[in-house]
Structure formats: structure tokens, C-alpha cells
Amino acid sequence: MFGIGMPELVIILVIALVVIGPKKLPDLAKSLGRGLSEFKKATSEIKEDLNLGEDLKATREELIDAVSGLDKPADSKKAEPVEEKPPKFEDLDEMLDDYHQDKGLSAKDVEEKGQPETPAERDRNG
């Protein structure tokens, strides 16, 4: 165990018997046994928690792989090339004109009011 042989163990037990006494020695042995069993139980729980941490780490890596692979095809042999769509608008002015048409605003309304606030600007301005 800790380099303790049978002769050393017998000497320790004799000294414990003399110091503690024959009446209290069984109670001491029971409490020592309970303490050791609780220690073993706590160690096994810690080991389980560490194993759980490793399982969670593996699950996290799998989740990252799954999420990062959403924009990539699963099988490169079967994957079809993705066609890039041309931009809908050439510049910002075209996009704003389309926005104003969707809202039903004329060019005159826009010039009188200035540029209407976008929802993000409304949030910033209060």
C-alpha cells in the first residue's frame, strides 16, 4: 500500500489499541471506514464529472462542425456549383428609389422631408 508491511501494520494497531483503548477502537474503525467510503464516492463523482466534461467537449465540437458546414455541401462529388446572383441594385441610389417606391413615396415627398429615417436610425434617435 504505502510501503507498509505486515510488521509495521501490527505495530500501528498495537499502539492504537494502547492509546485509544479497546472500547473505542471499533468505533474509530467504523468512522474511518465510513470516511474512506465517502472519499471513494467523492472521487468517483469527480471522475464522472470530468468524463462528462469530455463528452460535452466532443458534443460541442460536433455542433460546431455541423453549424459551420451549413454553407458547405456535404459531399463534394455530388455538390453542384453554386451560382452567384448578380446584385439587384447597381448603387445606393437605385436601392433607395426602390425603397421609396415600395413605401409609396414620390421623389417630391422625399426631397421635402429629407431622407426618411430607417428603423435602425429610429432606434438610435429614440
N, C-alpha and C. Protein backbone atom coordinates (compact mmCIF):
# COMPACT_ATOMS: atom_id res chain seq x y z
N MET A 1 0.85 -1.17 0.00
CA MET A 1 0.00 0.00 0.00
C MET A 1 0.90 1.24 0.00
N PHE A 2 1.33 1.73 1.11
CA PHE A 2 2.23 2.87 1.18
C PHE A 2 3.60 2.42 1.66
N GLY A 3 3.99 1.24 1.28
CA GLY A 3 5.26 0.70 1.75
C GLY A 3 5.14 0.15 3.16
N ILE A 4 3.91 -0.07 3.62
CA ILE A 4 3.69 -0.60 4.97
C ILE A 4 3.50 -2.10 4.85
N GLY A 5 4.40 -2.82 5.51
CA GLY A 5 4.29 -4.28 5.51
C GLY A 5 3.47 -4.75 6.70
N MET A 6 3.42 -6.06 6.84
CA MET A 6 2.64 -6.64 7.95
C MET A 6 3.22 -6.28 9.32
N PRO A 7 4.53 -6.31 9.53
CA PRO A 7 5.05 -5.96 10.87
C PRO A 7 4.73 -4.52 11.26
N GLU A 8 4.86 -3.58 10.31
CA GLU A 8 4.56 -2.17 10.62
C GLU A 8 3.08 -1.99 10.95
N LEU A 9 2.22 -2.69 10.22
CA LEU A 9 0.78 -2.60 10.46
C LEU A 9 0.42 -3.12 11.84
N VAL A 10 1.03 -4.22 12.26
CA VAL A 10 0.77 -4.78 13.59
C VAL A 10 1.22 -3.82 14.67
N ILE A 11 2.37 -3.17 14.48
CA ILE A 11 2.86 -2.20 15.47
C ILE A 11 1.90 -1.02 15.57
N ILE A 12 1.42 -0.52 14.44
CA ILE A 12 0.48 0.60 14.46
C ILE A 12 -0.80 0.21 15.18
N LEU A 13 -1.33 -0.99 14.92
CA LEU A 13 -2.56 -1.43 15.59
C LEU A 13 -2.36 -1.59 17.09
N VAL A 14 -1.21 -2.09 17.53
CA VAL A 14 -0.93 -2.24 18.97
C VAL A 14 -0.86 -0.87 19.63
N ILE A 15 -0.18 0.09 18.99
CA ILE A 15 -0.10 1.44 19.56
C ILE A 15 -1.48 2.07 19.63
N ALA A 16 -2.31 1.88 18.58
CA ALA A 16 -3.67 2.43 18.58
C ALA A 16 -4.49 1.78 19.69
N LEU A 17 -4.31 0.48 19.92
CA LEU A 17 -5.05 -0.22 20.97
C LEU A 17 -4.68 0.31 22.34
N VAL A 18 -3.39 0.60 22.54
CA VAL A 18 -2.94 1.12 23.84
C VAL A 18 -3.41 2.55 24.04
N VAL A 19 -3.26 3.40 23.01
CA VAL A 19 -3.59 4.82 23.16
C VAL A 19 -5.09 5.04 23.22
N ILE A 20 -5.84 4.44 22.32
CA ILE A 20 -7.28 4.69 22.23
C ILE A 20 -8.06 3.83 23.22
N GLY A 21 -7.66 2.62 23.37
CA GLY A 21 -8.36 1.73 24.29
C GLY A 21 -9.22 0.74 23.53
N PRO A 22 -9.46 -0.42 24.12
CA PRO A 22 -10.22 -1.46 23.44
C PRO A 22 -11.70 -1.13 23.24
N LYS A 23 -12.27 -0.24 24.04
CA LYS A 23 -13.69 0.07 23.91
C LYS A 23 -13.97 1.01 22.73
N LYS A 24 -13.07 1.96 22.48
CA LYS A 24 -13.31 2.96 21.43
C LYS A 24 -12.70 2.57 20.09
N LEU A 25 -11.89 1.55 20.05
CA LEU A 25 -11.23 1.15 18.81
C LEU A 25 -12.21 0.71 17.72
N PRO A 26 -13.25 -0.09 18.02
CA PRO A 26 -14.21 -0.44 16.96
C PRO A 26 -14.96 0.77 16.40
N ASP A 27 -15.33 1.71 17.26
CA ASP A 27 -16.00 2.93 16.78
C ASP A 27 -15.08 3.74 15.87
N LEU A 28 -13.82 3.82 16.23
CA LEU A 28 -12.85 4.53 15.42
C LEU A 28 -12.69 3.86 14.05
N ALA A 29 -12.65 2.52 14.05
CA ALA A 29 -12.51 1.78 12.79
C ALA A 29 -13.74 2.00 11.90
N LYS A 30 -14.95 2.02 12.52
CA LYS A 30 -16.17 2.26 11.73
C LYS A 30 -16.15 3.66 11.10
N SER A 31 -15.79 4.65 11.89
CA SER A 31 -15.77 6.02 11.36
C SER A 31 -14.69 6.17 10.29
N LEU A 32 -13.57 5.49 10.48
CA LEU A 32 -12.52 5.52 9.47
C LEU A 32 -12.99 4.86 8.17
N GLY A 33 -13.69 3.75 8.29
CA GLY A 33 -14.24 3.06 7.11
C GLY A 33 -15.26 3.92 6.39
N ARG A 34 -16.14 4.59 7.16
CA ARG A 34 -17.13 5.48 6.53
C ARG A 34 -16.45 6.64 5.80
N GLY A 35 -15.43 7.18 6.43
CA GLY A 35 -14.69 8.29 5.81
C GLY A 35 -14.04 7.86 4.50
N LEU A 36 -13.44 6.66 4.50
CA LEU A 36 -12.82 6.17 3.28
C LEU A 36 -13.85 5.91 2.19
N SER A 37 -15.02 5.37 2.56
CA SER A 37 -16.05 5.11 1.55
C SER A 37 -16.58 6.42 0.97
N GLU A 38 -16.76 7.44 1.81
CA GLU A 38 -17.20 8.75 1.31
C GLU A 38 -16.14 9.37 0.40
N PHE A 39 -14.88 9.17 0.77
CA PHE A 39 -13.79 9.68 -0.07
C PHE A 39 -13.80 9.01 -1.44
N LYS A 40 -14.01 7.71 -1.47
CA LYS A 40 -14.06 6.97 -2.73
C LYS A 40 -15.25 7.43 -3.57
N LYS A 41 -16.39 7.65 -2.90
CA LYS A 41 -17.59 8.10 -3.62
C LYS A 41 -17.36 9.49 -4.22
N ALA A 42 -16.75 10.38 -3.46
CA ALA A 42 -16.47 11.73 -3.97
C ALA A 42 -15.49 11.68 -5.13
N THR A 43 -14.49 10.80 -5.04
CA THR A 43 -13.52 10.68 -6.14
C THR A 43 -14.19 10.15 -7.39
N SER A 44 -15.08 9.18 -7.23
CA SER A 44 -15.76 8.64 -8.41
C SER A 44 -16.68 9.69 -9.04
N GLU A 45 -17.33 10.52 -8.21
CA GLU A 45 -18.18 11.58 -8.75
C GLU A 45 -17.36 12.60 -9.53
N ILE A 46 -16.18 12.92 -9.01
CA ILE A 46 -15.31 13.87 -9.72
C ILE A 46 -14.87 13.28 -11.06
N LYS A 47 -14.55 11.99 -11.05
CA LYS A 47 -14.15 11.34 -12.30
C LYS A 47 -15.30 11.36 -13.30
N GLU A 48 -16.52 11.12 -12.85
CA GLU A 48 -17.69 11.16 -13.73
C GLU A 48 -17.89 12.57 -14.29
N ASP A 49 -17.69 13.59 -13.45
CA ASP A 49 -17.83 14.96 -13.91
C ASP A 49 -16.79 15.28 -14.97
N LEU A 50 -15.57 14.79 -14.78
CA LEU A 50 -14.53 15.03 -15.77
C LEU A 50 -14.86 14.33 -17.07
N ASN A 51 -15.39 13.12 -16.99
CA ASN A 51 -15.78 12.40 -18.19
C ASN A 51 -16.94 13.11 -18.88
N LEU A 52 -17.85 13.67 -18.09
CA LEU A 52 -18.97 14.42 -18.65
C LEU A 52 -18.45 15.65 -19.39
N GLY A 53 -17.43 16.30 -18.82
CA GLY A 53 -16.82 17.45 -19.49
C GLY A 53 -16.22 17.06 -20.82
N GLU A 54 -15.61 15.89 -20.90
CA GLU A 54 -15.05 15.43 -22.16
C GLU A 54 -16.16 15.13 -23.17
N ASP A 55 -17.26 14.54 -22.69
CA ASP A 55 -18.39 14.26 -23.57
C ASP A 55 -18.98 15.57 -24.11
N LEU A 56 -19.10 16.56 -23.22
CA LEU A 56 -19.64 17.85 -23.66
C LEU A 56 -18.70 18.51 -24.66
N LYS A 57 -17.39 18.35 -24.46
CA LYS A 57 -16.43 18.92 -25.39
C LYS A 57 -16.59 18.28 -26.76
N ALA A 58 -16.75 16.96 -26.78
CA ALA A 58 -16.93 16.26 -28.06
C ALA A 58 -18.24 16.69 -28.73
N THR A 59 -19.30 16.83 -27.94
CA THR A 59 -20.58 17.27 -28.48
C THR A 59 -20.48 18.69 -29.02
N ARG A 60 -19.76 19.54 -28.31
CA ARG A 60 -19.58 20.93 -28.76
C ARG A 60 -18.84 20.97 -30.09
N GLU A 61 -17.80 20.15 -30.21
CA GLU A 61 -17.05 20.11 -31.47
C GLU A 61 -17.93 19.61 -32.61
N GLU A 62 -18.77 18.60 -32.34
CA GLU A 62 -19.68 18.11 -33.37
C GLU A 62 -20.67 19.18 -33.79
N LEU A 63 -21.17 19.93 -32.80
CA LEU A 63 -22.12 21.00 -33.10
C LEU A 63 -21.46 22.09 -33.94
N ILE A 64 -20.23 22.45 -33.60
CA ILE A 64 -19.52 23.47 -34.38
C ILE A 64 -19.30 22.98 -35.80
N ASP A 65 -18.92 21.70 -35.94
CA ASP A 65 -18.75 21.15 -37.28
C ASP A 65 -20.05 21.17 -38.06
N ALA A 66 -21.15 20.84 -37.39
CA ALA A 66 -22.44 20.81 -38.07
C ALA A 66 -22.87 22.20 -38.51
N VAL A 67 -22.69 23.18 -37.63
CA VAL A 67 -23.12 24.54 -37.95
C VAL A 67 -22.21 25.16 -39.00
N SER A 68 -20.92 24.94 -38.87
CA SER A 68 -20.00 25.54 -39.83
C SER A 68 -20.12 24.89 -41.20
N GLY A 69 -20.67 23.68 -41.26
CA GLY A 69 -20.82 23.00 -42.53
C GLY A 69 -22.13 23.31 -43.24
N LEU A 70 -22.95 24.20 -42.69
CA LEU A 70 -24.24 24.51 -43.32
C LEU A 70 -24.07 25.15 -44.69
N ASP A 71 -23.06 26.00 -44.82
CA ASP A 71 -22.90 26.67 -46.11
C ASP A 71 -22.07 25.84 -47.08
N LYS A 72 -21.52 24.73 -46.61
CA LYS A 72 -20.72 23.87 -47.47
C LYS A 72 -21.52 22.63 -47.83
N PRO A 73 -21.35 22.13 -49.04
CA PRO A 73 -22.06 20.91 -49.40
C PRO A 73 -21.50 19.72 -48.61
N ALA A 74 -22.39 18.77 -48.32
CA ALA A 74 -21.99 17.61 -47.53
C ALA A 74 -21.03 16.72 -48.29
N ASP A 75 -21.26 16.53 -49.58
CA ASP A 75 -20.42 15.65 -50.38
C ASP A 75 -19.96 16.44 -51.60
N SER A 76 -18.65 16.61 -51.73
CA SER A 76 -18.15 17.45 -52.81
C SER A 76 -18.37 16.82 -54.18
N LYS A 77 -18.49 15.48 -54.27
CA LYS A 77 -18.72 14.82 -55.55
C LYS A 77 -20.12 15.10 -56.07
N LYS A 78 -21.09 15.13 -55.17
CA LYS A 78 -22.48 15.32 -55.56
C LYS A 78 -22.88 16.79 -55.62
N ALA A 79 -22.03 17.64 -55.11
CA ALA A 79 -22.39 19.05 -54.99
C ALA A 79 -22.40 19.72 -56.35
N GLU A 80 -23.39 20.53 -56.56
CA GLU A 80 -23.48 21.31 -57.77
C GLU A 80 -22.88 22.67 -57.50
N PRO A 81 -22.25 23.27 -58.48
CA PRO A 81 -21.67 24.59 -58.24
C PRO A 81 -22.77 25.61 -57.95
N VAL A 82 -22.50 26.44 -57.00
CA VAL A 82 -23.47 27.45 -56.60
C VAL A 82 -23.32 28.65 -57.52
N GLU A 83 -24.43 29.05 -58.11
CA GLU A 83 -24.41 30.20 -59.00
C GLU A 83 -24.55 31.46 -58.18
N GLU A 84 -23.66 32.39 -58.43
CA GLU A 84 -23.75 33.66 -57.73
C GLU A 84 -24.73 34.56 -58.46
N LYS A 85 -25.65 35.12 -57.71
CA LYS A 85 -26.65 36.00 -58.31
C LYS A 85 -26.05 37.40 -58.45
N PRO A 86 -26.35 38.06 -59.54
CA PRO A 86 -25.85 39.43 -59.67
C PRO A 86 -26.58 40.32 -58.67
N PRO A 87 -25.95 41.39 -58.23
CA PRO A 87 -26.61 42.27 -57.28
C PRO A 87 -27.87 42.87 -57.89
N LYS A 88 -28.87 43.05 -57.07
CA LYS A 88 -30.15 43.57 -57.54
C LYS A 88 -30.04 45.05 -57.92
N PHE A 89 -29.20 45.78 -57.20
CA PHE A 89 -29.05 47.21 -57.44
C PHE A 89 -27.61 47.52 -57.78
N GLU A 90 -27.44 48.51 -58.65
CA GLU A 90 -26.09 48.93 -59.04
C GLU A 90 -25.45 49.79 -57.95
N ASP A 91 -26.25 50.65 -57.34
CA ASP A 91 -25.69 51.52 -56.32
C ASP A 91 -26.76 51.85 -55.27
N LEU A 92 -26.40 52.67 -54.34
CA LEU A 92 -27.29 53.01 -53.24
C LEU A 92 -28.51 53.79 -53.71
N ASP A 93 -28.35 54.64 -54.69
CA ASP A 93 -29.47 55.45 -55.17
C ASP A 93 -30.59 54.57 -55.73
N GLU A 94 -30.22 53.56 -56.49
CA GLU A 94 -31.24 52.66 -57.03
C GLU A 94 -31.97 51.94 -55.91
N MET A 95 -31.22 51.54 -54.91
CA MET A 95 -31.84 50.84 -53.80
C MET A 95 -32.81 51.77 -53.05
N LEU A 96 -32.41 53.03 -52.85
CA LEU A 96 -33.29 53.98 -52.17
C LEU A 96 -34.53 54.28 -53.01
N ASP A 97 -34.36 54.42 -54.32
CA ASP A 97 -35.51 54.66 -55.19
C ASP A 97 -36.51 53.50 -55.10
N ASP A 98 -36.00 52.28 -55.12
CA ASP A 98 -36.88 51.12 -55.00
C ASP A 98 -37.58 51.11 -53.64
N TYR A 99 -36.85 51.47 -52.60
CA TYR A 99 -37.43 51.54 -51.24
C TYR A 99 -38.56 52.56 -51.20
N HIS A 100 -38.32 53.73 -51.78
CA HIS A 100 -39.33 54.78 -51.77
C HIS A 100 -40.56 54.38 -52.58
N GLN A 101 -40.35 53.69 -53.69
CA GLN A 101 -41.48 53.22 -54.50
C GLN A 101 -42.30 52.20 -53.72
N ASP A 102 -41.62 51.32 -53.00
CA ASP A 102 -42.35 50.34 -52.19
C ASP A 102 -43.17 51.01 -51.11
N LYS A 103 -42.67 52.09 -50.55
CA LYS A 103 -43.38 52.80 -49.50
C LYS A 103 -44.44 53.75 -50.05
N GLY A 104 -44.43 53.94 -51.35
CA GLY A 104 -45.43 54.82 -51.96
C GLY A 104 -45.07 56.28 -51.87
N LEU A 105 -43.83 56.59 -51.70
CA LEU A 105 -43.38 57.98 -51.63
C LEU A 105 -42.90 58.43 -53.00
N SER A 106 -43.21 59.65 -53.34
CA SER A 106 -42.71 60.19 -54.60
C SER A 106 -41.38 60.89 -54.34
N ALA A 107 -40.69 61.24 -55.42
CA ALA A 107 -39.39 61.92 -55.29
C ALA A 107 -39.58 63.27 -54.62
N LYS A 108 -40.74 63.93 -54.89
CA LYS A 108 -41.02 65.24 -54.29
C LYS A 108 -41.18 65.12 -52.78
N ASP A 109 -41.90 64.08 -52.32
CA ASP A 109 -42.08 63.85 -50.87
C ASP A 109 -40.74 63.63 -50.19
N VAL A 110 -39.88 62.89 -50.85
CA VAL A 110 -38.59 62.57 -50.25
C VAL A 110 -37.74 63.82 -50.14
N GLU A 111 -37.78 64.70 -51.17
CA GLU A 111 -36.99 65.92 -51.13
C GLU A 111 -37.50 66.88 -50.06
N GLU A 112 -38.82 66.95 -49.86
CA GLU A 112 -39.39 67.85 -48.87
C GLU A 112 -39.05 67.40 -47.45
N LYS A 113 -39.18 66.12 -47.21
CA LYS A 113 -38.96 65.60 -45.86
C LYS A 113 -37.50 65.31 -45.58
N GLY A 114 -36.70 65.29 -46.60
CA GLY A 114 -35.33 64.84 -46.42
C GLY A 114 -35.36 63.32 -46.45
N GLN A 115 -34.29 62.71 -46.14
CA GLN A 115 -34.26 61.25 -46.18
C GLN A 115 -35.06 60.71 -45.00
N PRO A 116 -36.01 59.82 -45.25
CA PRO A 116 -36.77 59.25 -44.14
C PRO A 116 -35.86 58.37 -43.28
N GLU A 117 -36.18 58.34 -42.02
CA GLU A 117 -35.38 57.53 -41.11
C GLU A 117 -35.63 56.05 -41.35
N THR A 118 -34.58 55.31 -41.31
CA THR A 118 -34.71 53.86 -41.38
C THR A 118 -35.02 53.36 -39.96
N PRO A 119 -35.52 52.16 -39.83
CA PRO A 119 -35.81 51.65 -38.49
C PRO A 119 -34.60 51.68 -37.57
N ALA A 120 -33.40 51.44 -38.11
CA ALA A 120 -32.21 51.47 -37.26
C ALA A 120 -31.93 52.89 -36.77
N GLU A 121 -32.17 53.89 -37.62
CA GLU A 121 -31.96 55.28 -37.22
C GLU A 121 -32.98 55.68 -36.16
N ARG A 122 -34.21 55.18 -36.30
CA ARG A 122 -35.24 55.48 -35.30
C ARG A 122 -34.86 54.91 -33.95
N ASP A 123 -34.28 53.72 -33.94
CA ASP A 123 -33.86 53.12 -32.68
C ASP A 123 -32.74 53.94 -32.03
N ARG A 124 -31.82 54.41 -32.84
CA ARG A 124 -30.70 55.20 -32.30
C ARG A 124 -31.17 56.57 -31.83
N ASN A 125 -32.09 57.17 -32.56
CA ASN A 125 -32.54 58.52 -32.23
C ASN A 125 -33.60 58.53 -31.14
N GLY A 126 -34.15 57.40 -30.85
CA GLY A 126 -35.12 57.32 -29.77
C GLY A 126 -36.46 57.44 -30.28
